[in-house]
Amino acid sequence: MARERTAQHLLATRLGQLRELTGGRAAATASAPWAERLAPLADRPVCEEVRVVAAT
């Protein structure tokens, strides 16, 4: 029980810090559908290093 409360407190504290740093931008990004958020990443070319690792 104490571990769970500690984890919840630490998570809440960290999320608060991230909100302060990003100025609330994360909330706006999270509301976009996954397809829209990932489309620009899918269009990027894959570097040669990744292609070599994926082929082995």
C-alpha atoms as a PDB file:
ATOM      1  CA  MET A   1       0.000   0.000   0.000  1.00  0.00           C
ATOM      2  CA  ALA A   2       2.780   2.444   0.866  1.00  0.00           C
ATOM      3  CA  ARG A   3       4.627   1.615  -2.370  1.00  0.00           C
ATOM      4  CA  GLU A   4       1.515   2.324  -4.402  1.00  0.00           C
ATOM      5  CA  ARG A   5       0.919   5.681  -2.707  1.00  0.00           C
ATOM      6  CA  THR A   6       4.587   6.588  -3.132  1.00  0.00           C
ATOM      7  CA  ALA A   7       4.495   5.669  -6.826  1.00  0.00           C
ATOM      8  CA  GLN A   8       1.311   7.698  -7.330  1.00  0.00           C
ATOM      9  CA  HIS A   9       2.842  10.689  -5.573  1.00  0.00           C
ATOM     10  CA  LEU A  10       6.053  10.492  -7.601  1.00  0.00           C
ATOM     11  CA  LEU A  11       4.110  10.160 -10.846  1.00  0.00           C
ATOM     12  CA  ALA A  12       1.864  13.110 -10.008  1.00  0.00           C
ATOM     13  CA  THR A  13       4.892  15.213  -9.062  1.00  0.00           C
ATOM     14  CA  ARG A  14       6.746  14.341 -12.268  1.00  0.00           C
ATOM     15  CA  LEU A  15       3.714  14.993 -14.452  1.00  0.00           C
ATOM     16  CA  GLY A  16       3.318  18.384 -12.807  1.00  0.00           C
ATOM     17  CA  GLN A  17       6.956  19.194 -13.547  1.00  0.00           C
ATOM     18  CA  LEU A  18       6.563  18.142 -17.181  1.00  0.00           C
ATOM     19  CA  ARG A  19       3.428  20.268 -17.573  1.00  0.00           C
ATOM     20  CA  GLU A  20       5.332  23.274 -16.249  1.00  0.00           C
ATOM     21  CA  LEU A  21       8.224  22.676 -18.635  1.00  0.00           C
ATOM     22  CA  THR A  22       6.069  22.135 -21.705  1.00  0.00           C
ATOM     23  CA  GLY A  23       3.535  24.831 -20.927  1.00  0.00           C
ATOM     24  CA  GLY A  24       0.666  22.397 -21.471  1.00  0.00           C
ATOM     25  CA  ARG A  25       1.721  21.438 -24.993  1.00  0.00           C
ATOM     26  CA  ALA A  26       1.584  17.731 -24.151  1.00  0.00           C
ATOM     27  CA  ALA A  27      -2.167  17.861 -23.550  1.00  0.00           C
ATOM     28  CA  ALA A  28      -2.774  19.363 -26.983  1.00  0.00           C
ATOM     29  CA  THR A  29      -0.619  16.734 -28.669  1.00  0.00           C
ATOM     30  CA  ALA A  30      -2.263  13.844 -26.849  1.00  0.00           C
ATOM     31  CA  SER A  31      -5.711  14.818 -28.137  1.00  0.00           C
ATOM     32  CA  ALA A  32      -4.748  14.162 -31.779  1.00  0.00           C
ATOM     33  CA  PRO A  33      -5.582  10.700 -33.166  1.00  0.00           C
ATOM     34  CA  TRP A  34      -2.680   8.277 -33.437  1.00  0.00           C
ATOM     35  CA  ALA A  35      -2.884   8.118 -37.220  1.00  0.00           C
ATOM     36  CA  GLU A  36      -2.401  11.880 -37.484  1.00  0.00           C
ATOM     37  CA  ARG A  37       0.395  11.930 -34.920  1.00  0.00           C
ATOM     38  CA  LEU A  38       2.363   9.089 -36.493  1.00  0.00           C
ATOM     39  CA  ALA A  39       1.887   9.929 -40.196  1.00  0.00           C
ATOM     40  CA  PRO A  40       4.856  12.358 -40.316  1.00  0.00           C
ATOM     41  CA  LEU A  41       7.080   9.734 -38.703  1.00  0.00           C
ATOM     42  CA  ALA A  42       6.023   7.067 -41.200  1.00  0.00           C
ATOM     43  CA  ASP A  43       6.998   9.359 -44.080  1.00  0.00           C
ATOM     44  CA  ARG A  44      10.587   9.764 -42.859  1.00  0.00           C
ATOM     45  CA  PRO A  45      13.257   7.724 -44.639  1.00  0.00           C
ATOM     46  CA  VAL A  46      14.866   4.905 -42.683  1.00  0.00           C
ATOM     47  CA  CYS A  47      18.594   5.381 -42.173  1.00  0.00           C
ATOM     48  CA  GLU A  48      21.008   2.768 -43.506  1.00  0.00           C
ATOM     49  CA  GLU A  49      22.027   1.631 -40.013  1.00  0.00           C
ATOM     50  CA  VAL A  50      18.458   0.667 -39.152  1.00  0.00           C
ATOM     51  CA  ARG A  51      18.010  -1.144 -42.458  1.00  0.00           C
ATOM     52  CA  VAL A  52      21.105  -3.262 -41.798  1.00  0.00           C
ATOM     53  CA  VAL A  53      19.988  -4.201 -38.288  1.00  0.00           C
ATOM     54  CA  ALA A  54      16.458  -5.032 -39.466  1.00  0.00           C
ATOM     55  CA  ALA A  55      17.801  -7.264 -42.250  1.00  0.00           C
ATOM     56  CA  THR A  56      19.875  -9.432 -39.917  1.00  0.00           C
END
